[in-house]
Amino acid sequence: MADQDTVTTRTEVAIRRACGISETADLPPDARLWEMGMDSLRLVELVTALEDELDFFFPNEYLTGDTFATVESTLEVVRRFAT
């Protein structure tokens, strides 16, 4: 399992890649993923990347719009299962 800082950094990198935004772009906690370019295909890519990178699996009940609504909501769930 990874520490909190590693989980945060890797999750933010994965979000930027999935949304197709610059690795240096500002990523505020309340940023809405769907407004940053997320769509259903990119979401599958994000989930797969996070599970592979951080060696965990999202429980099915967390594969919802609420989990992936914002950067912070995504981080909260990832931190719960990847640390």
PDB file of N, CA and C in Angstrom:
ATOM      1  N   MET A   1       0.837  -1.185   0.000  1.00  0.00           N
ATOM      2  CA  MET A   1       0.000   0.000   0.000  1.00  0.00           C
ATOM      3  C   MET A   1       0.879   1.245   0.000  1.00  0.00           C
ATOM      4  N   ALA A   2       0.407   2.274  -0.661  1.00  0.00           N
ATOM      5  CA  ALA A   2       1.144   3.521  -0.801  1.00  0.00           C
ATOM      6  C   ALA A   2       0.773   4.492   0.314  1.00  0.00           C
ATOM      7  N   ASP A   3       1.679   5.444   0.577  1.00  0.00           N
ATOM      8  CA  ASP A   3       1.381   6.465   1.584  1.00  0.00           C
ATOM      9  C   ASP A   3       0.458   7.529   0.972  1.00  0.00           C
ATOM     10  N   GLN A   4      -0.104   8.370   1.811  1.00  0.00           N
ATOM     11  CA  GLN A   4      -1.093   9.380   1.392  1.00  0.00           C
ATOM     12  C   GLN A   4      -0.558  10.318   0.306  1.00  0.00           C
ATOM     13  N   ASP A   5       0.683  10.791   0.455  1.00  0.00           N
ATOM     14  CA  ASP A   5       1.253  11.718  -0.528  1.00  0.00           C
ATOM     15  C   ASP A   5       1.398  11.053  -1.893  1.00  0.00           C
ATOM     16  N   THR A   6       1.860   9.812  -1.897  1.00  0.00           N
ATOM     17  CA  THR A   6       2.010   9.077  -3.148  1.00  0.00           C
ATOM     18  C   THR A   6       0.656   8.859  -3.802  1.00  0.00           C
ATOM     19  N   VAL A   7      -0.324   8.484  -3.012  1.00  0.00           N
ATOM     20  CA  VAL A   7      -1.682   8.264  -3.536  1.00  0.00           C
ATOM     21  C   VAL A   7      -2.225   9.556  -4.135  1.00  0.00           C
ATOM     22  N   THR A   8      -2.056  10.655  -3.437  1.00  0.00           N
ATOM     23  CA  THR A   8      -2.550  11.943  -3.937  1.00  0.00           C
ATOM     24  C   THR A   8      -1.873  12.308  -5.251  1.00  0.00           C
ATOM     25  N   THR A   9      -0.560  12.222  -5.273  1.00  0.00           N
ATOM     26  CA  THR A   9       0.182  12.586  -6.486  1.00  0.00           C
ATOM     27  C   THR A   9      -0.198  11.703  -7.668  1.00  0.00           C
ATOM     28  N   ARG A  10      -0.222  10.412  -7.470  1.00  0.00           N
ATOM     29  CA  ARG A  10      -0.541   9.491  -8.571  1.00  0.00           C
ATOM     30  C   ARG A  10      -1.980   9.648  -9.041  1.00  0.00           C
ATOM     31  N   THR A  11      -2.880   9.921  -8.111  1.00  0.00           N
ATOM     32  CA  THR A  11      -4.280  10.129  -8.492  1.00  0.00           C
ATOM     33  C   THR A  11      -4.430  11.401  -9.311  1.00  0.00           C
ATOM     34  N   GLU A  12      -3.779  12.466  -8.883  1.00  0.00           N
ATOM     35  CA  GLU A  12      -3.856  13.725  -9.620  1.00  0.00           C
ATOM     36  C   GLU A  12      -3.260  13.589 -11.017  1.00  0.00           C
ATOM     37  N   VAL A  13      -2.149  12.886 -11.138  1.00  0.00           N
ATOM     38  CA  VAL A  13      -1.541  12.651 -12.452  1.00  0.00           C
ATOM     39  C   VAL A  13      -2.514  11.849 -13.332  1.00  0.00           C
ATOM     40  N   ALA A  14      -3.111  10.820 -12.765  1.00  0.00           N
ATOM     41  CA  ALA A  14      -4.056   9.984 -13.527  1.00  0.00           C
ATOM     42  C   ALA A  14      -5.276  10.793 -13.960  1.00  0.00           C
ATOM     43  N   ILE A  15      -5.768  11.663 -13.110  1.00  0.00           N
ATOM     44  CA  ILE A  15      -6.914  12.517 -13.463  1.00  0.00           C
ATOM     45  C   ILE A  15      -6.542  13.438 -14.607  1.00  0.00           C
ATOM     46  N   ARG A  16      -5.379  14.082 -14.507  1.00  0.00           N
ATOM     47  CA  ARG A  16      -4.944  14.980 -15.584  1.00  0.00           C
ATOM     48  C   ARG A  16      -4.849  14.223 -16.918  1.00  0.00           C
ATOM     49  N   ARG A  17      -4.244  13.052 -16.880  1.00  0.00           N
ATOM     50  CA  ARG A  17      -4.102  12.264 -18.111  1.00  0.00           C
ATOM     51  C   ARG A  17      -5.459  11.853 -18.668  1.00  0.00           C
ATOM     52  N   ALA A  18      -6.336  11.371 -17.789  1.00  0.00           N
ATOM     53  CA  ALA A  18      -7.659  10.917 -18.241  1.00  0.00           C
ATOM     54  C   ALA A  18      -8.472  12.063 -18.826  1.00  0.00           C
ATOM     55  N   CYS A  19      -8.321  13.245 -18.252  1.00  0.00           N
ATOM     56  CA  CYS A  19      -9.073  14.405 -18.741  1.00  0.00           C
ATOM     57  C   CYS A  19      -8.387  15.090 -19.913  1.00  0.00           C
ATOM     58  N   GLY A  20      -7.162  14.687 -20.204  1.00  0.00           N
ATOM     59  CA  GLY A  20      -6.439  15.277 -21.321  1.00  0.00           C
ATOM     60  C   GLY A  20      -5.965  16.691 -21.062  1.00  0.00           C
ATOM     61  N   ILE A  21      -5.619  16.975 -19.805  1.00  0.00           N
ATOM     62  CA  ILE A  21      -5.127  18.317 -19.478  1.00  0.00           C
ATOM     63  C   ILE A  21      -3.647  18.258 -19.123  1.00  0.00           C
ATOM     64  N   SER A  22      -2.999  19.379 -19.178  1.00  0.00           N
ATOM     65  CA  SER A  22      -1.571  19.493 -18.925  1.00  0.00           C
ATOM     66  C   SER A  22      -1.203  18.998 -17.528  1.00  0.00           C
ATOM     67  N   GLU A  23      -0.039  18.376 -17.440  1.00  0.00           N
ATOM     68  CA  GLU A  23       0.439  17.896 -16.139  1.00  0.00           C
ATOM     69  C   GLU A  23       0.728  19.036 -15.176  1.00  0.00           C
ATOM     70  N   THR A  24       0.827  20.258 -15.682  1.00  0.00           N
ATOM     71  CA  THR A  24       1.094  21.414 -14.826  1.00  0.00           C
ATOM     72  C   THR A  24      -0.165  22.249 -14.575  1.00  0.00           C
ATOM     73  N   ALA A  25      -1.278  21.831 -15.150  1.00  0.00           N
ATOM     74  CA  ALA A  25      -2.536  22.571 -14.975  1.00  0.00           C
ATOM     75  C   ALA A  25      -2.976  22.544 -13.519  1.00  0.00           C
ATOM     76  N   ASP A  26      -3.570  23.646 -13.101  1.00  0.00           N
ATOM     77  CA  ASP A  26      -4.122  23.730 -11.752  1.00  0.00           C
ATOM     78  C   ASP A  26      -5.209  22.678 -11.595  1.00  0.00           C
ATOM     79  N   LEU A  27      -5.234  22.033 -10.431  1.00  0.00           N
ATOM     80  CA  LEU A  27      -6.214  20.978 -10.180  1.00  0.00           C
ATOM     81  C   LEU A  27      -6.813  21.188  -8.787  1.00  0.00           C
ATOM     82  N   PRO A  28      -7.701  22.176  -8.653  1.00  0.00           N
ATOM     83  CA  PRO A  28      -8.297  22.440  -7.348  1.00  0.00           C
ATOM     84  C   PRO A  28      -9.167  21.277  -6.882  1.00  0.00           C
ATOM     85  N   PRO A  29      -9.253  21.069  -5.571  1.00  0.00           N
ATOM     86  CA  PRO A  29     -10.027  19.944  -5.033  1.00  0.00           C
ATOM     87  C   PRO A  29     -11.483  19.924  -5.476  1.00  0.00           C
ATOM     88  N   ASP A  30     -12.081  21.098  -5.684  1.00  0.00           N
ATOM     89  CA  ASP A  30     -13.495  21.146  -6.056  1.00  0.00           C
ATOM     90  C   ASP A  30     -13.715  21.149  -7.572  1.00  0.00           C
ATOM     91  N   ALA A  31     -12.648  20.950  -8.347  1.00  0.00           N
ATOM     92  CA  ALA A  31     -12.782  20.907  -9.802  1.00  0.00           C
ATOM     93  C   ALA A  31     -13.655  19.723 -10.197  1.00  0.00           C
ATOM     94  N   ARG A  32     -14.627  19.980 -11.048  1.00  0.00           N
ATOM     95  CA  ARG A  32     -15.560  18.942 -11.489  1.00  0.00           C
ATOM     96  C   ARG A  32     -14.960  18.217 -12.688  1.00  0.00           C
ATOM     97  N   LEU A  33     -14.780  16.903 -12.539  1.00  0.00           N
ATOM     98  CA  LEU A  33     -14.115  16.123 -13.568  1.00  0.00           C
ATOM     99  C   LEU A  33     -14.825  16.193 -14.909  1.00  0.00           C
ATOM    100  N   TRP A  34     -16.139  16.179 -14.898  1.00  0.00           N
ATOM    101  CA  TRP A  34     -16.903  16.160 -16.151  1.00  0.00           C
ATOM    102  C   TRP A  34     -16.781  17.486 -16.880  1.00  0.00           C
ATOM    103  N   GLU A  35     -16.465  18.563 -16.169  1.00  0.00           N
ATOM    104  CA  GLU A  35     -16.255  19.864 -16.800  1.00  0.00           C
ATOM    105  C   GLU A  35     -14.822  20.002 -17.313  1.00  0.00           C
ATOM    106  N   MET A  36     -13.952  19.096 -16.885  1.00  0.00           N
ATOM    107  CA  MET A  36     -12.548  19.121 -17.324  1.00  0.00           C
ATOM    108  C   MET A  36     -12.296  18.157 -18.483  1.00  0.00           C
ATOM    109  N   GLY A  37     -13.340  17.552 -19.012  1.00  0.00           N
ATOM    110  CA  GLY A  37     -13.191  16.682 -20.167  1.00  0.00           C
ATOM    111  C   GLY A  37     -13.439  15.208 -19.908  1.00  0.00           C
ATOM    112  N   MET A  38     -13.787  14.856 -18.678  1.00  0.00           N
ATOM    113  CA  MET A  38     -14.073  13.450 -18.371  1.00  0.00           C
ATOM    114  C   MET A  38     -15.319  13.017 -19.131  1.00  0.00           C
ATOM    115  N   ASP A  39     -15.289  11.789 -19.622  1.00  0.00           N
ATOM    116  CA  ASP A  39     -16.457  11.159 -20.204  1.00  0.00           C
ATOM    117  C   ASP A  39     -16.408   9.689 -19.798  1.00  0.00           C
ATOM    118  N   SER A  40     -17.358   8.904 -20.247  1.00  0.00           N
ATOM    119  CA  SER A  40     -17.444   7.522 -19.766  1.00  0.00           C
ATOM    120  C   SER A  40     -16.228   6.687 -20.166  1.00  0.00           C
ATOM    121  N   LEU A  41     -15.705   6.873 -21.359  1.00  0.00           N
ATOM    122  CA  LEU A  41     -14.523   6.119 -21.781  1.00  0.00           C
ATOM    123  C   LEU A  41     -13.298   6.529 -20.972  1.00  0.00           C
ATOM    124  N   ARG A  42     -13.137   7.817 -20.780  1.00  0.00           N
ATOM    125  CA  ARG A  42     -12.006   8.307 -19.982  1.00  0.00           C
ATOM    126  C   ARG A  42     -12.126   7.855 -18.530  1.00  0.00           C
ATOM    127  N   LEU A  43     -13.339   7.746 -18.047  1.00  0.00           N
ATOM    128  CA  LEU A  43     -13.538   7.276 -16.674  1.00  0.00           C
ATOM    129  C   LEU A  43     -13.065   5.839 -16.519  1.00  0.00           C
ATOM    130  N   VAL A  44     -13.374   4.999 -17.480  1.00  0.00           N
ATOM    131  CA  VAL A  44     -12.891   3.611 -17.445  1.00  0.00           C
ATOM    132  C   VAL A  44     -11.365   3.602 -17.458  1.00  0.00           C
ATOM    133  N   GLU A  45     -10.767   4.440 -18.285  1.00  0.00           N
ATOM    134  CA  GLU A  45      -9.309   4.542 -18.331  1.00  0.00           C
ATOM    135  C   GLU A  45      -8.743   5.002 -16.989  1.00  0.00           C
ATOM    136  N   LEU A  46      -9.402   5.966 -16.352  1.00  0.00           N
ATOM    137  CA  LEU A  46      -8.958   6.461 -15.052  1.00  0.00           C
ATOM    138  C   LEU A  46      -9.027   5.369 -13.999  1.00  0.00           C
ATOM    139  N   VAL A  47     -10.141   4.679 -13.926  1.00  0.00           N
ATOM    140  CA  VAL A  47     -10.309   3.610 -12.936  1.00  0.00           C
ATOM    141  C   VAL A  47      -9.247   2.534 -13.142  1.00  0.00           C
ATOM    142  N   THR A  48      -9.052   2.126 -14.377  1.00  0.00           N
ATOM    143  CA  THR A  48      -8.054   1.098 -14.680  1.00  0.00           C
ATOM    144  C   THR A  48      -6.649   1.570 -14.310  1.00  0.00           C
ATOM    145  N   ALA A  49      -6.319   2.803 -14.661  1.00  0.00           N
ATOM    146  CA  ALA A  49      -4.993   3.347 -14.346  1.00  0.00           C
ATOM    147  C   ALA A  49      -4.762   3.410 -12.844  1.00  0.00           C
ATOM    148  N   LEU A  50      -5.755   3.870 -12.102  1.00  0.00           N
ATOM    149  CA  LEU A  50      -5.605   3.967 -10.645  1.00  0.00           C
ATOM    150  C   LEU A  50      -5.466   2.592 -10.012  1.00  0.00           C
ATOM    151  N   GLU A  51      -6.283   1.659 -10.442  1.00  0.00           N
ATOM    152  CA  GLU A  51      -6.193   0.305  -9.888  1.00  0.00           C
ATOM    153  C   GLU A  51      -4.839  -0.320 -10.190  1.00  0.00           C
ATOM    154  N   ASP A  52      -4.341  -0.142 -11.407  1.00  0.00           N
ATOM    155  CA  ASP A  52      -3.039  -0.707 -11.771  1.00  0.00           C
ATOM    156  C   ASP A  52      -1.894  -0.007 -11.043  1.00  0.00           C
ATOM    157  N   GLU A  53      -1.933   1.309 -11.048  1.00  0.00           N
ATOM    158  CA  GLU A  53      -0.851   2.108 -10.462  1.00  0.00           C
ATOM    159  C   GLU A  53      -0.745   1.944  -8.953  1.00  0.00           C
ATOM    160  N   LEU A  54      -1.887   1.851  -8.293  1.00  0.00           N
ATOM    161  CA  LEU A  54      -1.900   1.825  -6.831  1.00  0.00           C
ATOM    162  C   LEU A  54      -2.236   0.453  -6.255  1.00  0.00           C
ATOM    163  N   ASP A  55      -2.424  -0.520  -7.125  1.00  0.00           N
ATOM    164  CA  ASP A  55      -2.618  -1.912  -6.724  1.00  0.00           C
ATOM    165  C   ASP A  55      -3.786  -2.103  -5.752  1.00  0.00           C
ATOM    166  N   PHE A  56      -4.961  -1.681  -6.185  1.00  0.00           N
ATOM    167  CA  PHE A  56      -6.185  -1.900  -5.423  1.00  0.00           C
ATOM    168  C   PHE A  56      -7.329  -1.990  -6.418  1.00  0.00           C
ATOM    169  N   PHE A  57      -8.509  -2.346  -5.938  1.00  0.00           N
ATOM    170  CA  PHE A  57      -9.695  -2.395  -6.785  1.00  0.00           C
ATOM    171  C   PHE A  57     -10.805  -1.581  -6.143  1.00  0.00           C
ATOM    172  N   PHE A  58     -11.470  -0.783  -6.968  1.00  0.00           N
ATOM    173  CA  PHE A  58     -12.637  -0.053  -6.493  1.00  0.00           C
ATOM    174  C   PHE A  58     -13.757  -1.050  -6.256  1.00  0.00           C
ATOM    175  N   PRO A  59     -14.343  -1.060  -5.078  1.00  0.00           N
ATOM    176  CA  PRO A  59     -15.541  -1.876  -4.884  1.00  0.00           C
ATOM    177  C   PRO A  59     -16.648  -1.354  -5.818  1.00  0.00           C
ATOM    178  N   ASN A  60     -17.451  -2.241  -6.324  1.00  0.00           N
ATOM    179  CA  ASN A  60     -18.494  -1.858  -7.282  1.00  0.00           C
ATOM    180  C   ASN A  60     -19.390  -0.735  -6.780  1.00  0.00           C
ATOM    181  N   GLU A  61     -19.682  -0.727  -5.493  1.00  0.00           N
ATOM    182  CA  GLU A  61     -20.588   0.303  -4.977  1.00  0.00           C
ATOM    183  C   GLU A  61     -19.985   1.706  -5.019  1.00  0.00           C
ATOM    184  N   TYR A  62     -18.673   1.813  -5.287  1.00  0.00           N
ATOM    185  CA  TYR A  62     -18.016   3.115  -5.392  1.00  0.00           C
ATOM    186  C   TYR A  62     -17.822   3.551  -6.838  1.00  0.00           C
ATOM    187  N   LEU A  63     -18.248   2.753  -7.773  1.00  0.00           N
ATOM    188  CA  LEU A  63     -18.145   3.119  -9.189  1.00  0.00           C
ATOM    189  C   LEU A  63     -19.384   3.906  -9.583  1.00  0.00           C
ATOM    190  N   THR A  64     -19.491   5.103  -9.025  1.00  0.00           N
ATOM    191  CA  THR A  64     -20.662   5.965  -9.217  1.00  0.00           C
ATOM    192  C   THR A  64     -20.236   7.365  -9.636  1.00  0.00           C
ATOM    193  N   GLY A  65     -21.185   8.113 -10.094  1.00  0.00           N
ATOM    194  CA  GLY A  65     -20.932   9.507 -10.444  1.00  0.00           C
ATOM    195  C   GLY A  65     -20.477  10.333  -9.263  1.00  0.00           C
ATOM    196  N   ASP A  66     -20.984  10.021  -8.069  1.00  0.00           N
ATOM    197  CA  ASP A  66     -20.587  10.773  -6.880  1.00  0.00           C
ATOM    198  C   ASP A  66     -19.105  10.584  -6.562  1.00  0.00           C
ATOM    199  N   THR A  67     -18.590   9.382  -6.747  1.00  0.00           N
ATOM    200  CA  THR A  67     -17.179   9.121  -6.485  1.00  0.00           C
ATOM    201  C   THR A  67     -16.306   9.970  -7.391  1.00  0.00           C
ATOM    202  N   PHE A  68     -16.703  10.105  -8.637  1.00  0.00           N
ATOM    203  CA  PHE A  68     -15.885  10.787  -9.629  1.00  0.00           C
ATOM    204  C   PHE A  68     -16.437  12.160 -10.002  1.00  0.00           C
ATOM    205  N   ALA A  69     -17.149  12.782  -9.083  1.00  0.00           N
ATOM    206  CA  ALA A  69     -17.720  14.099  -9.346  1.00  0.00           C
ATOM    207  C   ALA A  69     -16.640  15.181  -9.365  1.00  0.00           C
ATOM    208  N   THR A  70     -15.752  15.145  -8.392  1.00  0.00           N
ATOM    209  CA  THR A  70     -14.708  16.162  -8.272  1.00  0.00           C
ATOM    210  C   THR A  70     -13.363  15.489  -8.005  1.00  0.00           C
ATOM    211  N   VAL A  71     -12.327  16.306  -8.058  1.00  0.00           N
ATOM    212  CA  VAL A  71     -10.995  15.799  -7.716  1.00  0.00           C
ATOM    213  C   VAL A  71     -11.011  15.268  -6.289  1.00  0.00           C
ATOM    214  N   GLU A  72     -11.551  16.025  -5.360  1.00  0.00           N
ATOM    215  CA  GLU A  72     -11.535  15.618  -3.953  1.00  0.00           C
ATOM    216  C   GLU A  72     -12.373  14.378  -3.698  1.00  0.00           C
ATOM    217  N   SER A  73     -13.535  14.262  -4.321  1.00  0.00           N
ATOM    218  CA  SER A  73     -14.359  13.066  -4.083  1.00  0.00           C
ATOM    219  C   SER A  73     -13.645  11.820  -4.598  1.00  0.00           C
ATOM    220  N   THR A  74     -12.934  11.964  -5.693  1.00  0.00           N
ATOM    221  CA  THR A  74     -12.154  10.845  -6.220  1.00  0.00           C
ATOM    222  C   THR A  74     -11.016  10.505  -5.274  1.00  0.00           C
ATOM    223  N   LEU A  75     -10.299  11.522  -4.820  1.00  0.00           N
ATOM    224  CA  LEU A  75      -9.188  11.301  -3.886  1.00  0.00           C
ATOM    225  C   LEU A  75      -9.644  10.630  -2.596  1.00  0.00           C
ATOM    226  N   GLU A  76     -10.795  11.039  -2.080  1.00  0.00           N
ATOM    227  CA  GLU A  76     -11.297  10.453  -0.839  1.00  0.00           C
ATOM    228  C   GLU A  76     -11.465   8.940  -0.955  1.00  0.00           C
ATOM    229  N   VAL A  77     -12.045   8.509  -2.054  1.00  0.00           N
ATOM    230  CA  VAL A  77     -12.269   7.074  -2.242  1.00  0.00           C
ATOM    231  C   VAL A  77     -10.965   6.345  -2.501  1.00  0.00           C
ATOM    232  N   VAL A  78     -10.119   6.912  -3.339  1.00  0.00           N
ATOM    233  CA  VAL A  78      -8.846   6.274  -3.618  1.00  0.00           C
ATOM    234  C   VAL A  78      -8.028   6.142  -2.338  1.00  0.00           C
ATOM    235  N   ARG A  79      -7.977   7.190  -1.536  1.00  0.00           N
ATOM    236  CA  ARG A  79      -7.232   7.131  -0.268  1.00  0.00           C
ATOM    237  C   ARG A  79      -7.790   6.041   0.648  1.00  0.00           C
ATOM    238  N   ARG A  80      -9.080   5.858   0.638  1.00  0.00           N
ATOM    239  CA  ARG A  80      -9.715   4.855   1.499  1.00  0.00           C
ATOM    240  C   ARG A  80      -9.245   3.441   1.158  1.00  0.00           C
ATOM    241  N   PHE A  81      -9.069   3.170  -0.116  1.00  0.00           N
ATOM    242  CA  PHE A  81      -8.773   1.798  -0.527  1.00  0.00           C
ATOM    243  C   PHE A  81      -7.318   1.559  -0.931  1.00  0.00           C
ATOM    244  N   ALA A  82      -6.565   2.614  -1.180  1.00  0.00           N
ATOM    245  CA  ALA A  82      -5.194   2.440  -1.676  1.00  0.00           C
ATOM    246  C   ALA A  82      -4.132   2.715  -0.622  1.00  0.00           C
ATOM    247  N   THR A  83      -4.539   3.108   0.584  1.00  0.00           N
ATOM    248  CA  THR A  83      -3.523   3.365   1.630  1.00  0.00           C
ATOM    249  C   THR A  83      -3.727   2.426   2.797  1.00  0.00           C
TER     250      THR A  83
END
